[in-house]
Amino acid sequence: MLKVVLADDENKVILLMRKLIDWEALGYEVVGTANDGLHALELVQTQQPHLLITDIRMPGCDGIELIRRAKEMQPRLHFIVISGYRQFEYAQSALKYGVEDYLLKPLKQEELSSILLRIKDKLGEEAALEFQLQKNSERQQERFMDALKTAADREQPFLSAAQANAEYGFRFGEGSYLAALVKPDISNAEQYLDGYRIMMRHSLEIVRREVALLADAYAAAAIREGIAVLLYIRDYQAVEVKQRFTKIRNEIEKQRDLFWDIRCTTCLGSRQPCLEQADRSMREALWLCRDRLCRVQPWRDAESDPPHFSERYQMDAAQKKRFQEAAEYLDATQFERELEDSYLCILPQTPLNGQMLEDWFHEVLEAALYGMQQSGRISEQFVQTMEDNLWRCTNAQDIFRLLRQEIIKEIRRLSEEKSLRESRPITEAKRYIQQHYQETLRLEDVSSAVGFNATYFSALFKKETGQNFMDYLTELRINKSKALLCSDDLSIQDVAELVGYRDLKYFSRLFKKITGVSPSDYKKLYK
């Protein structure tokens, strides 16, 4: 049995949690309860529980401090936070300490049970059969929705009902089919990715719970674009559909305890008479969801607000070339200037829709990638992250900021790599010169030793050191000769030969030109 401690300053909440859940059936044992943070800490120390469920506000030692101190006592302890405290910064900080999940008051049996089962699975215990069946069903739904989105992206007919029933285990038949996209948005989502993922998981659970009461059969999955849903309804009632999705939106937006500016947009594709045509419904829902970047509306329905698929954006060739060149030359300043100009050009376009903004994003990204790839390798992860973050943007300014920040960061990374690549052979060249300066040394000898042709090496050497090759060699030899001239045992002729000069007159003339005194006078000065 997994041990759990319940902590809340209200006895009625603790009693509710005890009665709400059949703890033993789920494999848990409540080993203690506490009405304040200090008592909860004592129970953590004495009972060594696997899980602590605590209110975020507690007397004596508040929920966040309790979590922090309990984590120090028992690093592998898991936490669930209960919150009715509507202050974003306070609740958000709880996630930093490894909180497994959170619950909003009033508590719901289904949500708490789902979290407890998930934690049990994570702890490596044998999961309940019901949970395993649920996970299998969810994976099937994910595969199904991924296939539907692929069909929508490619504008290809989808599966027939019979094919979907056989392959995925659905019970589709005659009736209406429609796709929907439920899109929760928060500002700066990329800065709170762990919290964002928890929020999306909760949103998916809300969607599945509510659409199960609406549809005769459904599939729902969290994808990059939001919570994607396919509904099969034998007797379609528009009012009932809108009411159910309004409730979904309201439930999702209750997560303002953690995400104060959360905004949920629901986008419905048009009804289709058969599953084969559901790809069009999904394509419409995706278009409407993109359009939230330009028009902020909580509800979009393709039947009353049809998408304008033909309105697209295409960058002119000259502008694309300028982006490519700025990226190829790793000129971050020029790239930023081009981006600002391009952004200011697209904003006033009429009409302007979300699809056009996405087109602009891809045009800029592709041009920049083409240019940067001439100077170094761009990882697939960079491209994937850019695509993911595009769907976390909430408006045109977010897209502009994403392009500017991430592409300039990549340009600077490539520039640093290029500098390292170019400085490495110069380091090798300097080492070679140090080892061979006493010999008759030519530019061609050194460039050949480091694997470059003489012309390119000469330019690279001047760029990295600020000196041409001969000046660098001469300075090195003269500096070496200064140390040798201080020795009583060596004549000026000996010193000249030891630093690579066979002609004494030439050495003396060069030494005086650089130091201002002759070798003999220098020897007298430092004798």
Protein backbone atom coordinates (compact mmCIF):
# COMPACT_ATOMS: atom_id res chain seq x y z
CA MET A 1 0.00 0.00 0.00
CA LEU A 2 1.18 3.53 -0.75
CA LYS A 3 1.14 5.84 2.27
CA VAL A 4 -0.47 9.28 2.00
CA VAL A 5 -0.73 12.28 4.35
CA LEU A 6 -3.61 14.78 3.97
CA ALA A 7 -3.05 18.40 5.06
CA ASP A 8 -5.62 21.21 5.03
CA ASP A 9 -6.54 23.89 7.55
CA GLU A 10 -10.23 23.00 7.12
CA ASN A 11 -11.40 19.75 8.71
CA LYS A 12 -14.30 19.54 6.30
CA VAL A 13 -11.88 19.38 3.34
CA ILE A 14 -9.93 16.54 4.96
CA LEU A 15 -13.19 14.68 5.69
CA LEU A 16 -14.28 15.24 2.10
CA MET A 17 -11.03 13.78 0.75
CA ARG A 18 -11.37 10.76 3.03
CA LYS A 19 -14.94 10.09 1.87
CA LEU A 20 -14.49 11.10 -1.76
CA ILE A 21 -11.99 8.33 -2.51
CA ASP A 22 -11.92 4.61 -1.81
CA TRP A 23 -8.25 4.84 -0.82
CA GLU A 24 -7.77 1.14 -0.18
CA ALA A 25 -9.23 0.18 -3.56
CA LEU A 26 -6.73 2.50 -5.26
CA GLY A 27 -3.85 1.02 -3.28
CA TYR A 28 -3.41 3.88 -0.78
CA GLU A 29 -3.46 4.15 3.00
CA VAL A 30 -4.08 7.49 4.76
CA VAL A 31 -1.46 7.39 7.52
CA GLY A 32 -2.13 10.84 8.97
CA THR A 33 -3.92 14.15 8.65
CA ALA A 34 -2.84 17.66 9.66
CA ASN A 35 -4.49 21.07 9.98
CA ASP A 36 -1.25 23.05 9.88
CA GLY A 37 2.10 22.89 8.12
CA LEU A 38 4.24 22.07 11.15
CA HIS A 39 2.14 19.04 12.08
CA ALA A 40 2.26 17.92 8.43
CA LEU A 41 6.08 18.09 8.55
CA GLU A 42 6.08 15.91 11.69
CA LEU A 43 3.96 13.33 9.88
CA VAL A 44 6.31 13.36 6.88
CA GLN A 45 9.22 12.70 9.23
CA THR A 46 7.53 9.98 11.28
CA GLN A 47 5.33 8.23 8.71
CA GLN A 48 7.59 8.52 5.63
CA PRO A 49 4.63 8.74 3.22
CA HIS A 50 4.84 8.32 -0.56
CA LEU A 51 2.44 11.19 -1.17
CA LEU A 52 1.50 14.46 0.55
CA ILE A 53 -1.71 16.23 -0.45
CA THR A 54 -1.72 19.77 0.91
CA ASP A 55 -3.60 23.05 0.64
CA ILE A 56 -1.45 25.85 -0.77
CA ARG A 57 -2.37 28.04 2.20
CA MET A 58 -1.64 26.60 5.62
CA PRO A 59 -1.16 28.13 9.09
CA GLY A 60 2.17 27.71 10.85
CA CYS A 61 3.99 26.79 7.66
CA ASP A 62 2.30 27.56 4.36
CA GLY A 63 1.92 25.04 1.55
CA ILE A 64 4.95 26.18 -0.47
CA GLU A 65 7.25 26.24 2.57
CA LEU A 66 5.85 22.87 3.63
CA ILE A 67 6.65 21.38 0.23
CA ARG A 68 10.16 22.81 0.24
CA ARG A 69 10.99 21.52 3.73
CA ALA A 70 9.31 18.15 3.20
CA LYS A 71 11.32 17.74 -0.01
CA GLU A 72 14.51 18.29 1.98
CA MET A 73 13.42 15.62 4.47
CA GLN A 74 12.28 13.14 1.88
CA PRO A 75 13.55 13.93 -1.65
CA ARG A 76 11.41 11.24 -3.33
CA LEU A 77 8.16 12.42 -1.77
CA HIS A 78 5.38 13.27 -4.25
CA PHE A 79 3.00 16.21 -3.82
CA ILE A 80 -0.47 17.25 -4.90
CA VAL A 81 -1.46 20.87 -4.22
CA ILE A 82 -5.04 21.90 -3.48
CA SER A 83 -5.80 25.52 -4.27
CA GLY A 84 -8.61 27.98 -4.16
CA TYR A 85 -6.14 30.81 -3.77
CA ARG A 86 -6.43 33.06 -6.81
CA GLN A 87 -3.00 34.60 -6.97
CA PHE A 88 -0.87 33.56 -9.92
CA GLU A 89 2.65 34.18 -8.60
CA TYR A 90 1.97 32.36 -5.31
CA ALA A 91 0.49 29.22 -6.80
CA GLN A 92 2.90 29.13 -9.75
CA SER A 93 5.90 28.93 -7.42
CA ALA A 94 4.65 25.60 -6.05
CA LEU A 95 5.44 23.97 -9.42
CA LYS A 96 9.11 24.86 -9.01
CA TYR A 97 9.44 22.34 -6.16
CA GLY A 98 8.38 19.32 -8.18
CA VAL A 99 4.66 19.28 -7.41
CA GLU A 100 3.15 16.30 -9.21
CA ASP A 101 -0.20 17.94 -9.90
CA TYR A 102 -2.77 20.33 -8.48
CA LEU A 103 -6.49 20.37 -7.74
CA LEU A 104 -8.85 23.32 -7.64
CA LYS A 105 -11.57 23.62 -5.03
CA PRO A 106 -14.25 22.33 -5.01
CA LEU A 107 -12.62 18.91 -5.27
CA LYS A 108 -13.89 16.45 -7.87
CA GLN A 109 -13.71 12.70 -7.32
CA GLU A 110 -12.81 11.89 -10.91
CA GLU A 111 -9.90 14.35 -11.03
CA LEU A 112 -8.42 13.21 -7.72
CA SER A 113 -8.79 9.52 -8.66
CA SER A 114 -7.09 10.11 -12.01
CA ILE A 115 -4.13 11.86 -10.37
CA LEU A 116 -3.78 9.16 -7.70
CA LEU A 117 -3.74 6.42 -10.31
CA ARG A 118 -1.17 8.30 -12.38
CA ILE A 119 1.08 8.75 -9.35
CA LYS A 120 0.72 5.10 -8.46
CA ASP A 121 1.81 4.20 -11.98
CA LYS A 122 4.76 6.61 -11.79
CA LEU A 123 5.89 5.09 -8.48
CA GLY A 124 6.27 1.79 -10.30
CA GLU A 125 3.40 -0.04 -8.63
CA GLU A 126 1.10 -2.26 -10.59
CA ALA A 127 -1.55 0.05 -12.06
CA ALA A 128 -5.20 -0.73 -11.72
CA LEU A 129 -6.71 -2.62 -14.64
CA GLU A 130 -9.17 0.18 -15.28
CA PHE A 131 -6.33 2.69 -15.53
CA GLN A 132 -4.45 0.49 -18.01
CA LEU A 133 -7.54 0.15 -20.17
CA GLN A 134 -7.99 3.90 -20.05
CA LYS A 135 -4.38 4.51 -21.09
CA ASN A 136 -4.71 2.08 -24.00
CA SER A 137 -7.84 3.88 -25.12
CA GLU A 138 -6.07 7.24 -24.86
CA ARG A 139 -3.16 5.98 -26.98
CA GLN A 140 -5.62 4.79 -29.63
CA GLN A 141 -7.27 8.19 -29.60
CA GLU A 142 -3.88 9.89 -30.01
CA ARG A 143 -3.04 7.70 -33.01
CA PHE A 144 -6.47 8.33 -34.52
CA MET A 145 -6.28 12.13 -34.11
CA ASP A 146 -2.76 12.18 -35.49
CA ALA A 147 -3.99 10.34 -38.59
CA LEU A 148 -6.93 12.76 -38.95
CA LYS A 149 -4.68 15.81 -38.70
CA THR A 150 -2.30 14.33 -41.28
CA ALA A 151 -5.24 13.81 -43.66
CA ALA A 152 -6.36 17.41 -43.04
CA ASP A 153 -2.85 18.80 -43.68
CA ARG A 154 -2.61 16.84 -46.93
CA GLU A 155 -6.23 17.57 -47.91
CA GLN A 156 -6.85 13.84 -48.34
CA PRO A 157 -10.06 11.89 -47.60
CA PHE A 158 -10.02 10.22 -44.20
CA LEU A 159 -10.90 6.66 -43.19
CA SER A 160 -14.38 5.27 -43.54
CA ALA A 161 -16.33 4.51 -40.36
CA ALA A 162 -15.86 0.78 -40.96
CA GLN A 163 -12.07 1.19 -41.29
CA ALA A 164 -11.85 3.32 -38.13
CA ASN A 165 -13.98 0.83 -36.18
CA ALA A 166 -11.77 -2.06 -37.25
CA GLU A 167 -8.44 -0.34 -36.73
CA TYR A 168 -9.11 1.76 -33.64
CA GLY A 169 -12.04 0.05 -31.95
CA PHE A 170 -14.61 2.84 -32.33
CA ARG A 171 -18.33 2.44 -32.87
CA PHE A 172 -18.97 4.97 -35.57
CA GLY A 173 -22.10 4.79 -37.72
CA GLU A 174 -24.61 7.05 -39.43
CA GLY A 175 -24.88 10.59 -38.14
CA SER A 176 -22.85 13.79 -38.02
CA TYR A 177 -19.07 14.04 -37.76
CA LEU A 178 -17.25 17.20 -36.82
CA ALA A 179 -13.79 18.17 -35.63
CA ALA A 180 -13.02 20.74 -32.98
CA LEU A 181 -9.90 22.34 -31.59
CA VAL A 182 -9.87 23.61 -28.02
CA LYS A 183 -6.90 25.94 -27.64
CA PRO A 184 -5.83 27.20 -24.18
CA ASP A 185 -3.37 30.11 -24.46
CA ILE A 186 -1.16 31.75 -21.84
CA SER A 187 1.44 34.48 -22.19
CA ASN A 188 5.10 33.41 -22.35
CA ALA A 189 4.18 29.71 -22.30
CA GLU A 190 7.73 28.75 -23.32
CA GLN A 191 8.98 30.09 -19.97
CA TYR A 192 6.66 27.78 -17.98
CA LEU A 193 6.82 24.59 -20.02
CA ASP A 194 6.32 22.21 -17.08
CA GLY A 195 3.33 24.19 -15.85
CA TYR A 196 2.05 24.51 -19.41
CA ARG A 197 2.14 20.73 -19.88
CA ILE A 198 0.22 20.19 -16.65
CA MET A 199 -2.33 22.76 -17.80
CA MET A 200 -2.72 20.99 -21.16
CA ARG A 201 -3.14 17.63 -19.42
CA HIS A 202 -5.87 19.05 -17.21
CA SER A 203 -7.52 20.63 -20.25
CA LEU A 204 -7.52 17.30 -22.06
CA GLU A 205 -9.12 15.60 -19.06
CA ILE A 206 -11.82 18.29 -18.97
CA VAL A 207 -12.50 17.90 -22.70
CA ARG A 208 -12.74 14.11 -22.50
CA ARG A 209 -15.05 14.24 -19.49
CA GLU A 210 -17.45 16.71 -21.11
CA VAL A 211 -17.54 15.42 -24.70
CA ALA A 212 -18.24 11.92 -23.35
CA LEU A 213 -21.58 13.36 -22.19
CA LEU A 214 -22.23 14.94 -25.57
CA ALA A 215 -21.11 12.53 -28.29
CA ASP A 216 -22.08 8.96 -29.15
CA ALA A 217 -18.40 8.33 -29.83
CA TYR A 218 -15.36 10.59 -29.79
CA ALA A 219 -11.59 10.82 -29.90
CA ALA A 220 -9.55 13.53 -28.19
CA ALA A 221 -5.83 14.11 -27.91
CA ALA A 222 -3.41 16.87 -26.96
CA ILE A 223 -1.45 17.84 -30.05
CA ARG A 224 0.87 20.74 -30.75
CA GLU A 225 -2.02 22.86 -31.97
CA GLY A 226 -4.22 22.32 -28.89
CA ILE A 227 -6.78 19.73 -27.77
CA ALA A 228 -8.03 18.10 -30.98
CA VAL A 229 -11.44 16.42 -30.91
CA LEU A 230 -13.48 14.34 -33.34
CA LEU A 231 -17.17 14.00 -32.44
CA TYR A 232 -19.66 11.48 -33.76
CA ILE A 233 -23.25 12.51 -32.90
CA ARG A 234 -26.29 10.65 -34.22
CA ASP A 235 -28.74 13.47 -33.43
CA TYR A 236 -26.85 16.75 -33.70
CA GLN A 237 -28.18 19.64 -31.59
CA ALA A 238 -26.25 22.89 -32.21
CA VAL A 239 -27.35 24.51 -28.94
CA GLU A 240 -26.29 21.52 -26.86
CA VAL A 241 -22.89 21.41 -28.62
CA LYS A 242 -22.24 25.08 -27.94
CA GLN A 243 -23.33 24.77 -24.31
CA ARG A 244 -21.03 21.82 -23.73
CA PHE A 245 -18.02 23.54 -25.27
CA THR A 246 -18.80 26.73 -23.35
CA LYS A 247 -18.65 24.68 -20.17
CA ILE A 248 -15.32 23.20 -21.31
CA ARG A 249 -13.93 26.69 -21.87
CA ASN A 250 -15.11 27.89 -18.47
CA GLU A 251 -13.62 24.86 -16.71
CA ILE A 252 -10.26 25.34 -18.43
CA GLU A 253 -10.17 29.04 -17.62
CA LYS A 254 -10.69 28.21 -13.92
CA GLN A 255 -6.99 27.32 -13.93
CA ARG A 256 -6.25 31.03 -13.42
CA ASP A 257 -4.87 30.08 -10.01
CA LEU A 258 -1.71 29.13 -11.88
CA PHE A 259 -2.15 30.98 -15.16
CA TRP A 260 -3.69 34.36 -14.47
CA ASP A 261 -4.15 35.31 -18.15
CA ILE A 262 -5.29 31.93 -19.49
CA ARG A 263 -7.60 32.29 -22.48
CA CYS A 264 -9.40 29.44 -24.18
CA THR A 265 -10.60 29.48 -27.80
CA THR A 266 -12.96 26.82 -29.18
CA CYS A 267 -12.94 26.27 -32.95
CA LEU A 268 -15.53 24.00 -34.57
CA GLY A 269 -15.28 22.63 -38.08
CA SER A 270 -18.42 22.11 -40.10
CA ARG A 271 -20.57 18.98 -39.76
CA GLN A 272 -19.88 16.23 -42.26
CA PRO A 273 -22.20 13.36 -43.18
CA CYS A 274 -19.48 10.71 -43.08
CA LEU A 275 -16.10 10.11 -41.48
CA GLU A 276 -14.31 10.20 -44.86
CA GLN A 277 -15.02 13.96 -44.99
CA ALA A 278 -13.90 14.68 -41.42
CA ASP A 279 -10.54 15.86 -42.76
CA ARG A 280 -12.27 18.99 -44.11
CA SER A 281 -13.85 19.67 -40.73
CA MET A 282 -10.45 19.34 -39.05
CA ARG A 283 -8.84 21.60 -41.64
CA GLU A 284 -11.49 24.26 -40.94
CA ALA A 285 -10.98 23.99 -37.16
CA LEU A 286 -7.22 24.39 -37.60
CA TRP A 287 -7.67 27.46 -39.82
CA LEU A 288 -10.00 29.10 -37.30
CA CYS A 289 -7.55 28.31 -34.51
CA ARG A 290 -4.71 29.97 -36.43
CA ASP A 291 -6.93 32.99 -36.94
CA ARG A 292 -7.09 33.64 -33.18
CA LEU A 293 -3.70 35.33 -33.76
CA CYS A 294 -5.63 38.15 -35.48
CA ARG A 295 -9.14 37.91 -34.03
CA VAL A 296 -9.62 37.11 -30.36
CA GLN A 297 -12.96 35.34 -30.02
CA PRO A 298 -13.80 32.54 -27.55
CA TRP A 299 -16.05 30.71 -30.05
CA ARG A 300 -15.51 30.13 -33.77
CA ASP A 301 -17.80 27.93 -35.87
CA ALA A 302 -16.99 27.17 -39.50
CA GLU A 303 -20.67 26.88 -40.40
CA SER A 304 -21.37 30.52 -39.51
CA ASP A 305 -17.82 31.83 -39.94
CA PRO A 306 -16.27 29.95 -42.90
CA PRO A 307 -12.46 29.96 -43.29
CA HIS A 308 -10.84 31.81 -46.21
CA PHE A 309 -8.40 29.17 -47.37
CA SER A 310 -7.42 31.10 -50.53
CA GLU A 311 -6.06 34.12 -48.62
CA ARG A 312 -2.35 33.35 -48.23
CA TYR A 313 0.90 35.26 -47.84
CA GLN A 314 3.95 34.88 -50.07
CA MET A 315 7.18 36.78 -49.55
CA ASP A 316 8.69 38.43 -52.60
CA ALA A 317 11.95 36.97 -53.91
CA ALA A 318 14.06 40.07 -53.20
CA GLN A 319 13.07 40.17 -49.53
CA LYS A 320 13.65 36.43 -49.15
CA LYS A 321 17.12 36.88 -50.66
CA ARG A 322 17.95 39.59 -48.13
CA PHE A 323 16.94 37.30 -45.26
CA GLN A 324 19.07 34.50 -46.70
CA GLU A 325 22.12 36.75 -47.08
CA ALA A 326 21.84 38.21 -43.58
CA ALA A 327 21.63 34.68 -42.15
CA GLU A 328 24.42 33.33 -44.38
CA TYR A 329 26.79 36.14 -43.36
CA LEU A 330 25.71 35.60 -39.72
CA ASP A 331 24.84 39.27 -39.53
CA ALA A 332 22.42 39.44 -36.58
CA THR A 333 21.98 43.21 -36.87
CA GLN A 334 21.03 43.03 -40.54
CA PHE A 335 18.69 40.09 -39.93
CA GLU A 336 16.90 42.00 -37.16
CA ARG A 337 16.55 45.03 -39.44
CA GLU A 338 15.07 42.91 -42.24
CA LEU A 339 12.70 41.23 -39.79
CA GLU A 340 11.42 44.53 -38.44
CA ASP A 341 10.86 45.87 -41.97
CA SER A 342 9.04 42.71 -43.00
CA TYR A 343 6.88 42.71 -39.85
CA LEU A 344 5.84 46.31 -40.41
CA CYS A 345 4.92 45.44 -44.00
CA ILE A 346 2.69 42.48 -43.18
CA LEU A 347 0.73 44.03 -40.28
CA PRO A 348 -1.24 46.56 -42.38
CA GLN A 349 -2.23 43.98 -45.00
CA THR A 350 -5.97 43.72 -45.56
CA PRO A 351 -7.33 41.18 -45.11
CA LEU A 352 -4.87 39.67 -42.63
CA ASN A 353 -5.61 36.29 -41.06
CA GLY A 354 -3.81 33.81 -38.85
CA GLN A 355 -2.91 31.56 -41.78
CA MET A 356 -1.11 34.49 -43.44
CA LEU A 357 0.86 35.14 -40.24
CA GLU A 358 1.86 31.48 -40.14
CA ASP A 359 2.87 31.68 -43.81
CA TRP A 360 5.03 34.71 -42.98
CA PHE A 361 6.61 32.85 -40.07
CA HIS A 362 7.52 29.91 -42.32
CA GLU A 363 8.85 32.15 -45.11
CA VAL A 364 11.17 33.94 -42.70
CA LEU A 365 12.22 30.72 -40.96
CA GLU A 366 12.94 28.86 -44.22
CA ALA A 367 14.96 31.76 -45.64
CA ALA A 368 16.96 32.04 -42.42
CA LEU A 369 17.56 28.28 -42.27
CA TYR A 370 18.79 28.23 -45.86
CA GLY A 371 21.24 31.03 -45.11
CA MET A 372 22.47 29.68 -41.76
CA GLN A 373 23.03 26.20 -43.20
CA GLN A 374 25.73 27.68 -45.43
CA SER A 375 27.72 28.45 -42.28
CA GLY A 376 27.02 25.43 -40.09
CA ARG A 377 24.71 22.64 -39.09
CA ILE A 378 21.19 23.46 -37.84
CA SER A 379 19.72 20.74 -35.62
CA GLU A 380 16.32 19.24 -36.29
CA GLN A 381 15.50 20.05 -32.68
CA PHE A 382 15.83 23.77 -33.41
CA VAL A 383 13.29 23.55 -36.23
CA GLN A 384 10.94 21.39 -34.15
CA THR A 385 11.13 23.80 -31.21
CA MET A 386 10.36 26.75 -33.48
CA GLU A 387 7.27 24.95 -34.84
CA ASP A 388 6.12 24.03 -31.35
CA ASN A 389 6.61 27.56 -30.05
CA LEU A 390 4.68 29.01 -33.00
CA TRP A 391 1.53 27.37 -31.62
CA ARG A 392 2.25 28.84 -28.20
CA CYS A 393 2.16 32.36 -29.67
CA THR A 394 -1.03 34.30 -28.99
CA ASN A 395 -0.67 37.18 -31.47
CA ALA A 396 1.47 38.63 -34.28
CA GLN A 397 3.86 40.31 -31.86
CA ASP A 398 4.60 36.97 -30.19
CA ILE A 399 5.54 35.50 -33.58
CA PHE A 400 7.82 38.46 -34.34
CA ARG A 401 9.45 38.11 -30.91
CA LEU A 402 9.92 34.34 -31.39
CA LEU A 403 11.61 34.78 -34.78
CA ARG A 404 13.84 37.59 -33.57
CA GLN A 405 14.90 35.94 -30.34
CA GLU A 406 15.51 32.37 -31.51
CA ILE A 407 17.00 33.00 -34.95
CA ILE A 408 19.37 35.68 -33.66
CA LYS A 409 20.38 33.29 -30.87
CA GLU A 410 21.10 30.63 -33.50
CA ILE A 411 23.03 33.10 -35.67
CA ARG A 412 25.21 33.99 -32.69
CA ARG A 413 25.78 30.32 -31.88
CA LEU A 414 26.91 29.66 -35.45
CA SER A 415 29.10 32.76 -35.38
CA GLU A 416 30.84 31.53 -32.21
CA GLU A 417 31.34 28.10 -33.75
CA LYS A 418 32.78 29.67 -36.88
CA SER A 419 35.19 31.76 -34.81
CA LEU A 420 36.31 28.63 -32.98
CA ARG A 421 36.77 26.76 -36.26
CA GLU A 422 38.83 29.62 -37.67
CA SER A 423 40.88 30.18 -34.52
CA ARG A 424 41.84 26.52 -34.17
CA PRO A 425 44.17 26.41 -37.22
CA ILE A 426 45.70 29.74 -36.14
CA THR A 427 46.47 28.21 -32.73
CA GLU A 428 48.11 25.28 -34.53
CA ALA A 429 50.02 27.69 -36.77
CA LYS A 430 51.34 29.63 -33.76
CA ARG A 431 52.47 26.38 -32.18
CA TYR A 432 54.26 25.39 -35.41
CA ILE A 433 55.96 28.80 -35.62
CA GLN A 434 57.14 28.49 -31.99
CA GLN A 435 58.70 25.15 -32.82
CA HIS A 436 60.34 26.24 -36.09
CA TYR A 437 61.10 29.97 -35.81
CA GLN A 438 64.87 29.21 -35.72
CA GLU A 439 64.62 27.78 -39.24
CA THR A 440 64.13 29.52 -42.56
CA LEU A 441 60.37 29.76 -42.30
CA ARG A 442 58.00 30.78 -45.09
CA LEU A 443 54.29 31.49 -45.15
CA GLU A 444 53.83 28.47 -47.45
CA ASP A 445 55.53 26.17 -44.92
CA VAL A 446 53.17 27.17 -42.11
CA SER A 447 49.99 27.19 -44.22
CA SER A 448 50.84 23.72 -45.55
CA ALA A 449 51.44 22.45 -42.00
CA VAL A 450 47.91 23.47 -40.92
CA GLY A 451 46.21 22.36 -44.16
CA PHE A 452 45.31 25.64 -45.89
CA ASN A 453 46.40 27.30 -49.09
CA ALA A 454 48.75 30.24 -48.54
CA THR A 455 46.37 32.98 -49.72
CA TYR A 456 43.46 31.93 -47.49
CA PHE A 457 45.78 31.28 -44.54
CA SER A 458 47.39 34.70 -44.87
CA ALA A 459 44.00 36.45 -44.73
CA LEU A 460 42.78 34.26 -41.86
CA PHE A 461 46.00 34.81 -39.89
CA LYS A 462 45.71 38.59 -40.26
CA LYS A 463 42.01 38.47 -39.20
CA GLU A 464 42.67 36.41 -36.06
CA THR A 465 45.96 37.98 -34.87
CA GLY A 466 45.79 41.52 -36.25
CA GLN A 467 49.23 41.01 -37.82
CA ASN A 468 50.41 39.58 -41.11
CA PHE A 469 52.51 36.43 -40.96
CA MET A 470 55.92 38.06 -41.44
CA ASP A 471 55.32 40.76 -38.81
CA TYR A 472 54.25 38.10 -36.30
CA LEU A 473 57.33 35.96 -37.06
CA THR A 474 59.67 38.95 -36.83
CA GLU A 475 58.21 40.08 -33.51
CA LEU A 476 58.56 36.57 -32.10
CA ARG A 477 62.21 36.27 -33.22
CA ILE A 478 63.16 39.69 -31.84
CA ASN A 479 61.52 38.93 -28.49
CA LYS A 480 63.42 35.63 -28.33
CA SER A 481 66.65 37.43 -29.21
CA LYS A 482 66.19 39.93 -26.36
CA ALA A 483 66.30 37.13 -23.81
CA LEU A 484 69.34 35.55 -25.47
CA LEU A 485 71.28 38.86 -25.61
CA CYS A 486 71.24 39.03 -21.85
CA SER A 487 73.49 35.96 -21.72
CA ASP A 488 77.27 36.44 -21.43
CA ASP A 489 77.95 33.19 -23.25
CA LEU A 490 76.40 34.15 -26.61
CA SER A 491 77.71 36.57 -29.20
CA ILE A 492 75.37 38.71 -31.30
CA GLN A 493 76.14 36.41 -34.26
CA ASP A 494 75.16 33.39 -32.16
CA VAL A 495 71.90 35.06 -31.11
CA ALA A 496 71.02 36.01 -34.70
CA GLU A 497 71.49 32.42 -35.88
CA LEU A 498 69.59 30.98 -32.93
CA VAL A 499 66.49 33.05 -33.82
CA GLY A 500 66.61 32.23 -37.53
CA TYR A 501 68.78 34.98 -39.09
CA ARG A 502 71.91 34.00 -40.99
CA ASP A 503 72.71 37.59 -42.04
CA LEU A 504 74.09 39.51 -39.04
CA LYS A 505 73.72 42.96 -40.68
CA TYR A 506 70.09 42.28 -41.55
CA PHE A 507 69.38 41.07 -38.00
CA SER A 508 71.04 44.14 -36.47
CA ARG A 509 69.14 46.53 -38.72
CA LEU A 510 65.82 44.79 -38.00
CA PHE A 511 66.48 44.69 -34.23
CA LYS A 512 67.21 48.42 -34.09
CA LYS A 513 64.17 49.23 -36.21
CA ILE A 514 61.87 47.39 -33.78
CA THR A 515 63.50 48.15 -30.40
CA GLY A 516 65.13 51.54 -31.12
CA VAL A 517 68.60 50.32 -30.10
CA SER A 518 71.22 48.09 -31.74
CA PRO A 519 71.79 44.52 -30.46
CA SER A 520 75.17 45.51 -29.02
CA ASP A 521 73.74 48.49 -27.13
CA TYR A 522 70.88 46.32 -25.85
CA LYS A 523 73.42 43.74 -24.66
CA LYS A 524 75.35 46.46 -22.79
CA LEU A 525 72.15 47.85 -21.22
CA TYR A 526 71.11 44.51 -19.76
CA LYS A 527 74.51 43.01 -19.10
